Protein backbone atom coordinates (compact mmCIF):
# COMPACT_ATOMS: atom_id res chain seq x y z
CA MET A 1 41.89 15.98 -9.56
CA LYS A 2 38.29 15.69 -8.26
CA PRO A 3 37.74 13.15 -5.45
CA ALA A 4 35.99 9.94 -6.46
CA MET A 5 32.26 9.76 -5.81
CA THR A 6 31.18 7.73 -2.83
CA PRO A 7 28.85 4.75 -3.35
CA LEU A 8 26.07 6.77 -1.73
CA GLN A 9 26.60 9.68 -4.13
CA ILE A 10 26.48 7.26 -7.04
CA LEU A 11 23.15 5.84 -5.83
CA GLU A 12 21.76 9.38 -5.47
CA ASN A 13 22.61 10.11 -9.11
CA ILE A 14 21.27 6.92 -10.67
CA PRO A 15 18.28 7.78 -12.94
CA GLU A 16 16.21 4.99 -11.37
CA GLY A 17 14.48 4.60 -8.03
CA VAL A 18 16.65 2.71 -5.55
CA PHE A 19 15.83 1.49 -2.06
CA ALA A 20 17.44 -0.91 0.40
CA VAL A 21 15.85 -3.05 3.11
CA ASP A 22 17.04 -5.01 6.13
CA PRO A 23 16.30 -8.77 6.44
CA ASN A 24 12.78 -7.94 7.71
CA CYS A 25 12.05 -5.87 4.58
CA VAL A 26 12.13 -2.59 6.53
CA ILE A 27 13.40 0.24 4.32
CA THR A 28 16.83 1.56 5.30
CA TYR A 29 17.62 3.68 2.24
CA PHE A 30 15.50 5.55 -0.35
CA ASN A 31 17.23 7.58 -3.06
CA GLN A 32 16.22 10.90 -4.59
CA LYS A 33 14.79 9.36 -7.78
CA ALA A 34 12.62 7.05 -5.67
CA GLU A 35 11.25 10.15 -3.95
CA GLU A 36 10.48 11.75 -7.32
CA ILE A 37 8.74 8.67 -8.71
CA THR A 38 6.57 7.88 -5.68
CA GLY A 39 6.06 11.35 -4.20
CA TYR A 40 7.18 10.10 -0.78
CA SER A 41 9.95 11.82 1.16
CA ARG A 42 12.64 9.52 2.47
CA ALA A 43 12.14 10.94 5.97
CA ARG A 44 8.62 9.43 5.99
CA ILE A 45 9.63 6.16 4.32
CA ILE A 46 12.80 5.00 6.06
CA GLY A 47 11.83 2.62 8.85
CA LYS A 48 8.62 1.49 7.10
CA ARG A 49 7.99 -1.94 5.60
CA CYS A 50 8.35 -1.86 1.82
CA ALA A 51 5.00 -3.70 1.46
CA ASP A 52 3.25 -0.79 3.21
CA VAL A 53 4.85 1.73 0.86
CA PHE A 54 4.52 0.09 -2.54
CA ARG A 55 1.42 -2.10 -1.94
CA THR A 56 1.91 -4.28 -5.00
CA GLU A 57 0.06 -7.54 -5.47
CA HIS A 58 3.45 -9.27 -5.24
CA CYS A 59 4.00 -8.12 -1.65
CA GLY A 60 3.91 -11.04 0.76
CA SER A 61 4.56 -14.54 -0.58
CA ARG A 62 5.63 -13.24 -4.01
CA CYS A 63 7.80 -10.36 -2.76
CA THR A 64 10.72 -10.01 -5.20
CA ILE A 65 13.21 -8.46 -2.79
CA ARG A 66 12.47 -11.06 -0.10
CA HIS A 67 12.81 -13.83 -2.68
CA SER A 68 16.14 -12.34 -3.77
CA MET A 69 17.41 -12.39 -0.17
CA THR A 70 16.21 -15.93 0.62
CA GLN A 71 17.53 -17.37 -2.67
CA GLY A 72 20.71 -15.32 -2.63
CA LYS A 73 20.40 -14.32 -6.28
CA GLU A 74 19.34 -11.43 -8.50
CA ILE A 75 15.88 -11.00 -9.99
CA LEU A 76 16.03 -9.09 -13.26
CA ASP A 77 13.54 -7.05 -15.26
CA TYR A 78 10.31 -7.91 -13.47
CA ARG A 79 7.13 -5.84 -14.07
CA VAL A 80 4.81 -4.84 -11.22
CA ASN A 81 2.21 -2.15 -10.54
CA ILE A 82 2.60 0.19 -7.56
CA LEU A 83 0.67 3.06 -5.96
CA ASP A 84 2.23 6.48 -5.44
CA CYS A 85 1.57 8.78 -2.48
CA ALA A 86 -1.62 10.09 -4.16
CA GLU A 87 -2.99 6.54 -4.63
CA ARG A 88 -2.36 6.66 -8.39
CA PRO A 89 -1.35 3.30 -9.91
CA PHE A 90 1.47 3.02 -12.42
CA PRO A 91 3.68 0.24 -13.84
CA VAL A 92 7.40 -0.17 -13.10
CA ARG A 93 10.22 -2.49 -14.06
CA ILE A 94 12.19 -3.74 -11.07
CA GLN A 95 15.44 -5.52 -10.34
CA ALA A 96 16.32 -6.96 -6.93
CA SER A 97 19.54 -8.31 -5.48
CA PRO A 98 20.79 -9.37 -2.04
CA LEU A 99 23.17 -7.17 -0.02
CA ARG A 100 26.10 -8.98 1.60
CA ASP A 101 28.62 -8.06 4.26
CA ASP A 102 32.40 -8.56 3.95
CA GLN A 103 32.02 -12.24 4.87
CA GLY A 104 29.37 -12.81 2.20
CA ALA A 105 26.44 -13.11 4.61
CA ILE A 106 23.17 -11.62 3.35
CA ILE A 107 22.27 -8.58 5.49
CA GLY A 108 19.50 -7.06 3.37
CA GLY A 109 18.32 -6.40 -0.14
CA LEU A 110 18.53 -3.71 -2.82
CA GLN A 111 15.87 -2.97 -5.42
CA THR A 112 15.82 -0.59 -8.36
CA PHE A 113 12.70 0.46 -10.24
CA ARG A 114 11.90 2.60 -13.26
CA VAL A 115 8.58 3.78 -14.60
CA ILE A 116 7.31 2.13 -17.78
CA GLU A 117 6.61 5.01 -20.12
CA ASN A 118 3.78 4.72 -22.68
CA PRO A 119 2.45 1.36 -21.40
CA ASP A 120 0.68 -0.86 -23.92
CA GLU A 121 -3.06 -1.43 -23.87
CA GLU A 122 -2.79 -4.65 -21.88
CA THR A 123 -0.74 -2.91 -19.18
CA ARG A 124 -3.22 -0.02 -19.02
CA LYS A 125 -6.08 -2.47 -18.51
CA GLU A 126 -4.16 -4.25 -15.78
CA LEU A 127 -3.58 -0.91 -14.03
CA VAL A 128 -7.32 -0.25 -13.92
CA LEU A 129 -7.98 -3.67 -12.37
CA PHE A 130 -5.05 -3.25 -9.97
CA GLU A 131 -6.59 -0.03 -8.67
CA LEU A 132 -9.93 -1.79 -8.10
CA ARG A 133 -8.27 -4.65 -6.24
CA SER A 134 -6.32 -2.17 -4.10
CA LYS A 135 -9.24 0.09 -3.19
CA ILE A 136 -12.36 -2.11 -3.27
CA GLY A 137 -10.89 -5.55 -2.56
CA ARG A 138 -9.96 -8.81 -4.23
CA ASP A 139 -12.28 -11.34 -2.57
CA GLY A 140 -13.34 -14.30 -4.73
CA ARG A 141 -16.64 -12.74 -5.87
CA LEU A 142 -14.92 -9.48 -6.69
CA SER A 143 -12.29 -11.39 -8.67
CA GLN A 144 -15.09 -12.90 -10.75
CA ILE A 145 -16.36 -9.38 -11.49
CA TYR A 146 -12.90 -8.16 -12.47
CA GLU A 147 -12.47 -11.17 -14.74
CA ILE A 148 -15.48 -10.28 -16.88
CA LEU A 149 -15.04 -6.51 -16.68
CA PRO A 150 -12.75 -6.00 -19.73
CA ASP A 151 -15.12 -7.89 -22.03
CA LEU A 152 -18.19 -6.20 -20.57
CA ALA A 153 -16.54 -2.81 -20.98
CA GLN A 154 -16.02 -3.38 -24.70
CA SER A 155 -19.78 -3.60 -25.21
CA ASP A 156 -21.76 -0.40 -25.61
CA ALA A 157 -24.74 -1.85 -23.74
CA PRO A 158 -25.95 -0.07 -20.57
CA VAL A 159 -24.75 -1.40 -17.21
CA LEU A 160 -26.53 -1.42 -13.84
CA LEU A 161 -24.30 -1.49 -10.75
CA GLN A 162 -26.05 -2.70 -7.61
CA GLY A 163 -24.83 -2.71 -4.04
CA GLU A 164 -25.29 -1.15 -0.64
CA PRO A 165 -24.20 2.45 0.07
CA GLY A 166 -20.45 2.80 0.34
CA THR A 167 -19.46 -0.21 -1.79
CA GLU A 168 -17.66 2.13 -4.23
CA LYS A 169 -19.87 1.55 -7.24
CA LYS A 170 -18.53 4.84 -8.60
CA LEU A 171 -14.99 3.38 -8.82
CA LEU A 172 -16.33 0.42 -10.76
CA ALA A 173 -18.24 2.71 -13.14
CA ARG A 174 -15.12 4.73 -13.90
CA ALA A 175 -13.16 1.50 -14.44
CA ILE A 176 -15.70 0.29 -17.02
CA HIS A 177 -15.26 3.59 -18.87
CA LEU A 178 -11.45 3.36 -18.78
CA LEU A 179 -11.54 -0.22 -20.07
CA SER A 180 -13.92 0.63 -22.91
CA ALA A 181 -13.40 1.88 -26.46
CA ARG A 182 -14.76 5.21 -25.18
CA ALA A 183 -11.88 5.69 -22.73
CA SER A 184 -10.51 8.67 -24.67
CA GLY A 185 -13.96 10.33 -24.59
CA PRO A 186 -15.59 12.22 -21.71
CA TYR A 187 -16.68 10.57 -18.48
CA VAL A 188 -19.59 12.46 -16.92
CA ALA A 189 -20.59 11.38 -13.40
CA VAL A 190 -23.83 12.70 -11.88
CA ALA A 191 -24.67 12.09 -8.20
CA CYS A 192 -28.46 12.22 -8.63
CA ALA A 193 -29.29 12.21 -4.90
CA GLU A 194 -27.17 15.31 -4.32
CA LYS A 195 -28.83 17.39 -7.05
CA ASP A 196 -31.78 19.69 -6.67
CA PRO A 197 -34.61 17.89 -8.53
CA ALA A 198 -35.94 21.24 -9.78
CA ALA A 199 -32.60 22.07 -11.40
CA LEU A 200 -31.79 18.58 -12.67
CA THR A 201 -33.89 18.83 -15.82
CA GLU A 202 -31.90 21.75 -17.16
CA GLN A 203 -28.60 20.29 -15.93
CA LEU A 204 -29.27 16.99 -17.69
CA LEU A 205 -30.89 18.17 -20.92
CA GLY A 206 -29.28 21.59 -21.26
CA SER A 207 -31.17 24.64 -22.46
CA ARG A 208 -31.43 27.12 -25.32
CA ALA A 209 -32.94 30.24 -23.76
CA SER A 210 -33.80 33.48 -25.58
CA PRO A 211 -33.38 36.82 -23.78
CA PRO A 212 -36.75 38.44 -22.83
CA GLY A 213 -38.06 40.29 -25.88
CA GLY A 214 -34.83 39.49 -27.70
CA ASP A 215 -33.88 37.87 -30.97
CA PRO A 216 -34.82 34.14 -30.89
CA SER A 217 -31.65 33.41 -32.89
CA ASN A 218 -29.55 34.88 -30.07
CA ARG A 219 -30.09 32.08 -27.57
CA THR A 220 -28.06 31.45 -24.43
CA ARG A 221 -26.77 27.89 -24.67
CA LEU A 222 -26.32 25.72 -21.56
CA GLU A 223 -24.55 22.43 -22.17
CA GLY A 224 -26.27 19.59 -20.29
CA TYR A 225 -24.85 16.31 -19.06
CA LEU A 226 -26.18 14.44 -22.10
CA GLU A 227 -24.26 16.74 -24.42
CA GLN A 228 -21.15 16.62 -22.25
CA ALA A 229 -21.18 12.82 -22.42
CA HIS A 230 -21.21 12.72 -26.25
CA ARG A 231 -18.85 9.96 -27.48
CA GLY A 232 -18.17 9.00 -23.89
CA THR A 233 -19.89 7.60 -20.80
CA LEU A 234 -22.69 9.00 -18.63
CA PHE A 235 -22.73 7.61 -15.08
CA LEU A 236 -25.94 8.23 -13.13
CA GLU A 237 -25.14 7.47 -9.50
CA GLY A 238 -28.32 6.67 -7.58
CA ILE A 239 -30.55 6.61 -10.66
CA GLU A 240 -33.58 5.96 -8.43
CA SER A 241 -33.27 9.59 -7.24
CA LEU A 242 -33.71 10.93 -10.76
CA PRO A 243 -37.29 12.24 -11.27
CA TYR A 244 -39.44 9.82 -13.28
CA PRO A 245 -39.82 12.11 -16.35
CA LEU A 246 -36.03 12.44 -16.55
CA GLN A 247 -35.61 8.67 -16.28
CA VAL A 248 -37.86 8.41 -19.34
CA SER A 249 -35.87 11.17 -21.10
CA VAL A 250 -32.59 9.36 -20.47
CA PHE A 251 -34.00 6.13 -21.90
CA LYS A 252 -35.26 7.87 -25.04
CA ALA A 253 -31.97 9.74 -25.52
CA MET A 254 -30.06 6.48 -25.20
CA GLU A 255 -32.35 4.57 -27.55
CA GLU A 256 -32.79 7.27 -30.20
CA GLY A 257 -29.53 9.17 -29.84
CA GLU A 258 -31.57 12.40 -29.67
CA TYR A 259 -33.23 14.53 -27.01
CA MET A 260 -34.88 17.96 -26.70
CA PRO A 261 -32.99 20.59 -24.66
CA LEU A 262 -35.19 23.02 -22.75
CA GLY A 263 -36.29 25.94 -24.91
CA ALA A 264 -34.87 24.36 -28.07
CA GLU A 265 -36.71 24.30 -31.38
CA GLU A 266 -35.02 21.16 -32.62
CA LYS A 267 -33.55 18.05 -31.08
CA ALA A 268 -29.90 17.66 -30.15
CA SER A 269 -27.98 14.43 -30.63
CA SER A 270 -25.68 12.58 -28.25
CA ASP A 271 -23.93 9.23 -28.50
CA PHE A 272 -23.22 8.01 -24.98
CA ARG A 273 -22.93 4.80 -23.01
CA LEU A 274 -25.08 4.70 -19.86
CA ILE A 275 -23.89 3.26 -16.56
CA ALA A 276 -26.28 3.55 -13.61
CA SER A 277 -26.00 2.58 -9.97
CA THR A 278 -28.51 1.95 -7.21
CA HIS A 279 -28.68 0.58 -3.67
CA ILE A 280 -32.38 -0.30 -3.84
CA ASP A 281 -34.50 -2.93 -5.60
CA LEU A 282 -35.45 -1.23 -8.87
CA GLU A 283 -37.72 -4.09 -9.88
CA SER A 284 -40.02 -3.29 -6.95
CA ARG A 285 -40.07 0.33 -8.12
CA VAL A 286 -41.16 -0.88 -11.56
CA ARG A 287 -44.01 -2.85 -9.98
CA GLU A 288 -45.01 0.26 -8.02
CA GLY A 289 -44.98 2.31 -11.22
CA THR A 290 -42.29 4.68 -9.91
CA PHE A 291 -39.49 3.56 -12.26
CA PRO A 292 -39.90 3.14 -16.05
CA ASP A 293 -40.00 -0.52 -17.03
CA SER A 294 -38.40 0.34 -20.38
CA LEU A 295 -35.32 1.78 -18.67
CA PHE A 296 -35.17 -1.05 -16.13
CA TYR A 297 -35.21 -3.81 -18.75
CA CYS A 298 -32.62 -1.92 -20.78
CA LEU A 299 -30.32 -1.66 -17.74
CA ASN A 300 -31.04 -5.26 -16.77
CA VAL A 301 -28.96 -6.61 -19.68
CA PHE A 302 -25.72 -6.21 -17.71
CA GLN A 303 -26.08 -6.25 -13.93
CA ILE A 304 -23.16 -6.25 -11.51
CA HIS A 305 -23.70 -6.69 -7.78
CA LEU A 306 -20.93 -5.52 -5.46
CA PRO A 307 -20.88 -7.63 -2.26
CA PRO A 308 -21.03 -5.77 1.07
CA LEU A 309 -17.93 -5.54 3.24
CA ARG A 310 -19.43 -7.67 6.05
CA GLU A 311 -19.59 -10.62 3.62
CA ARG A 312 -15.83 -10.45 2.99
CA LYS A 313 -14.48 -9.84 6.47
CA GLY A 314 -11.13 -11.42 5.66
CA GLU A 315 -10.26 -8.35 3.59
CA ILE A 316 -10.95 -5.83 6.36
CA PRO A 317 -7.46 -5.85 7.99
CA ARG A 318 -5.68 -5.28 4.67
CA LEU A 319 -8.11 -2.57 3.58
CA ALA A 320 -7.81 -0.95 7.02
CA ARG A 321 -4.00 -0.85 6.78
CA ASN A 322 -4.22 0.68 3.30
CA THR A 323 -6.55 3.35 4.68
CA LEU A 324 -4.27 4.07 7.65
CA TRP A 325 -1.32 4.44 5.31
CA ARG A 326 -3.25 6.94 3.18
CA LEU A 327 -4.38 8.88 6.27
CA SER A 328 -0.81 8.96 7.52
CA MET A 329 0.33 10.48 4.24
CA GLU A 330 -2.56 13.00 4.30
CA THR A 331 -2.09 14.16 7.86
CA GLY A 332 1.60 13.62 8.54
CA LYS A 333 0.65 11.58 11.63
CA ASP A 334 2.64 8.36 11.67
CA VAL A 335 -0.06 5.77 12.44
CA THR A 336 0.12 3.03 9.82
CA ASP A 337 -0.78 -0.23 11.60
CA LEU A 338 -3.39 -1.73 13.91
CA ASP A 339 -3.41 -4.27 16.74
CA GLU A 340 -4.81 -7.73 16.06
CA GLU A 341 -7.57 -6.94 18.58
CA VAL A 342 -8.57 -3.93 16.48
CA ALA A 343 -8.66 -6.08 13.33
CA GLN A 344 -10.91 -8.61 15.09
CA ARG A 345 -13.18 -5.86 16.43
CA LEU A 346 -13.58 -4.37 12.96
CA GLN A 347 -14.39 -7.79 11.55
CA ARG A 348 -17.30 -8.09 14.01
CA HIS A 349 -18.79 -4.75 12.97
CA PRO A 350 -21.72 -4.97 10.49
CA PHE A 351 -20.47 -2.13 8.22
CA TYR A 352 -23.79 -1.23 6.65
CA GLY A 353 -21.94 1.83 5.30
CA ASN A 354 -19.27 -0.49 3.85
CA LEU A 355 -15.96 1.02 2.66
CA HIS A 356 -17.06 4.60 3.30
CA GLU A 357 -17.94 3.71 6.89
CA LEU A 358 -14.61 1.91 7.36
CA ASP A 359 -12.85 5.06 6.15
CA GLN A 360 -14.74 7.30 8.58
CA ILE A 361 -14.22 5.00 11.58
CA LEU A 362 -10.50 4.82 10.86
CA ARG A 363 -10.31 8.60 10.46
CA GLN A 364 -11.66 9.02 13.98
CA ALA A 365 -9.40 6.31 15.38
CA HIS A 366 -6.37 7.74 13.57
CA GLN A 367 -7.08 11.12 15.12
CA ASN A 368 -7.49 9.57 18.59
CA CYS A 369 -4.31 7.49 18.41
CA ASN A 370 -1.21 8.72 20.27
CA GLY A 371 1.07 5.84 19.25
CA SER A 372 2.18 4.30 15.96
CA LYS A 373 -0.45 1.55 16.00
CA LEU A 374 -4.21 1.64 16.57
CA THR A 375 -5.47 0.02 19.76
CA LEU A 376 -9.01 -0.74 20.91
CA SER A 377 -9.10 2.43 23.00
CA ASP A 378 -8.67 4.52 19.83
CA LEU A 379 -11.81 3.14 18.15
CA PRO A 380 -15.15 4.94 18.48
CA SER A 381 -17.99 2.94 20.02
CA LEU A 382 -19.11 0.31 17.51
CA PRO A 383 -22.12 -2.02 17.60
CA ASP A 384 -21.48 -5.71 16.93
CA ALA A 385 -23.02 -7.31 13.88
CA PRO A 386 -26.29 -9.18 14.51
CA ALA A 387 -26.31 -12.91 13.88
CA ALA A 388 -27.29 -12.05 10.30
CA PRO A 389 -27.73 -8.73 8.49
CA PRO A 390 -31.24 -7.25 8.81
CA ASP A 391 -32.15 -8.24 5.27
CA GLN A 392 -31.15 -11.87 5.90
CA ALA A 393 -32.06 -12.45 9.55
CA SER A 394 -34.66 -15.07 10.31
CA VAL A 395 -35.38 -14.39 13.99
CA SER A 396 -38.58 -12.50 14.79
CA THR A 397 -41.07 -12.34 17.63
CA ASP A 398 -43.79 -14.17 15.74
CA GLY A 399 -41.79 -16.27 13.30
CA SER A 400 -43.01 -14.27 10.34
CA GLY A 401 -39.88 -12.19 9.73
CA GLU A 402 -41.93 -8.99 10.02
CA GLU A 403 -39.62 -7.47 12.64
CA CYS A 404 -36.60 -8.01 10.37
CA ASP A 405 -38.44 -6.51 7.41
CA THR A 406 -39.28 -3.49 9.55
CA LEU A 407 -35.64 -3.04 10.59
CA GLU A 408 -34.47 -3.23 6.99
CA LYS A 409 -37.11 -0.76 5.80
CA GLU A 410 -36.18 1.61 8.64
CA ARG A 411 -32.48 1.36 7.76
CA GLU A 412 -33.19 2.08 4.09
CA ARG A 413 -35.46 5.01 5.00
CA ILE A 414 -32.80 6.56 7.25
CA LEU A 415 -30.00 5.95 4.74
CA ASP A 416 -32.02 7.55 1.95
CA ALA A 417 -32.68 10.64 4.09
CA LEU A 418 -29.02 10.90 5.11
CA VAL A 419 -27.85 10.59 1.50
CA ARG A 420 -30.34 13.21 0.29
CA ASN A 421 -29.15 15.60 2.99
CA ARG A 422 -25.44 14.88 2.41
CA TRP A 423 -25.16 13.25 5.85
CA ASN A 424 -26.32 16.38 7.67
CA ARG A 425 -28.08 14.62 10.56
CA LYS A 426 -29.97 17.74 11.64
CA GLN A 427 -31.57 18.15 8.20
CA ALA A 428 -32.17 14.41 7.83
CA ALA A 429 -33.90 14.30 11.23
CA ARG A 430 -36.13 17.21 10.26
CA GLU A 431 -37.09 15.45 7.01
CA LEU A 432 -37.86 12.24 8.94
CA GLY A 433 -39.96 14.12 11.50
CA MET A 434 -37.81 13.37 14.55
CA ASP A 435 -35.18 15.12 16.65
CA ARG A 436 -31.45 14.48 16.26
CA THR A 437 -31.24 12.34 19.42
CA THR A 438 -33.98 10.03 18.17
CA LEU A 439 -32.27 9.77 14.78
CA TRP A 440 -28.97 8.95 16.50
CA ARG A 441 -30.62 6.14 18.52
CA ARG A 442 -32.36 4.68 15.48
CA MET A 443 -29.12 4.78 13.45
CA ARG A 444 -27.46 2.71 16.18
CA ARG A 445 -30.43 0.33 16.29
CA VAL A 446 -30.33 -0.47 12.57
CA GLY A 447 -26.55 -0.68 12.44
CA ILE A 448 -25.61 2.67 10.84
CA HIS A 449 -22.53 4.00 12.62
CA PRO A 450 -23.47 7.52 13.84
CA GLY A 451 -19.97 8.89 13.21
CA ALA A 452 -19.85 7.80 9.57
CA ARG A 453 -20.52 9.97 6.60
CA GLN A 454 -20.91 7.36 3.94
CA GLY A 455 -20.72 9.77 1.07
CA GLY A 456 -23.83 9.00 -0.93
CA PRO A 457 -24.98 5.86 -2.62
CA GLY A 458 -21.41 5.03 -3.65
């Protein structure tokens, strides 16, 4: 007769994720199915707070397992969204119950979870918004954006996303696509500032080239972005960097549903929804005659402005902890928390590079850290925020605001050069006509952290 299975063996063979926590919600057990579902190994997870691992919007005051322990009762069949080790969101059904010792005293909690297969449309939409709240933030103004996003996505009208570099406009663009009726179609994202302007025309429009002296009917066909986006969404990141003639071409293709590939004898058709992003004032470009008014007024129907990180400082500690958790999973280095002094120091930083700059600062600090929690000594040197951001400050030497305008124009000029040169400071300095040391000093002066690579207009 085979020996009976132990309780632990039974838990290891349950076809659902199972984990246990102590009274402080620190994970003490994580079964094999939980490893499979989340992608985390139990060796990395045991000893961590469950809120750090699962990062649901119910963690904290609405934590199901904590509620189960404090109320001393089971919670059955509750739906939440969680993030796996690769930051992918997915829905699960959970059940939580208290764990008791032989005398009936509660000594922890047990939770099971199973993935919801084939989620309905409402759940899929909620997953998209959950990812935005997790990665960009959930401040009041952002919540207002998320509230209108599903309805806006259902329209086929163009959308203009505005915001400073590093505010993750690209994540919002992808979310609009996923929430739209075009979600099953292609999503074509083009980082205009990173493309060679000379090559962009062919890349956008495609080409139909004949071999030299060959048969015109035997044309080499290059599929352009407009064709790739047929029945889907075309996202032009940093549309101000697109050459003016191509901006006009995009508008005509969107309005007429047709365009002329290079070398073609007849027009090609494409049905696409346009989403564009920018970190500059396009209306001033229209007045200068360097941006087509037709395209601007078309994009102006739906405008979304993403607020900068310095205007929602209360979110910085939570976003920083999420980033540290991700870095810990990437590198294997167990640094997942930060001192309160570090949180306060980050909240005083201007973050003109926004979320991308926060990521880069934390990468450096994470590498410097020799403990399990970031301290002030791990942070790179950071300038404090001025009394107001350069574009809002009112103090100047002559009361006219000219000094502040100059600072803002200098910051924009440097940012544009850095973005065009993919944050290669040597190349950006050459383009700006200065040496690298001068560029470094001016970056510090206008509040751009020299160690950050803010990854494009974002």
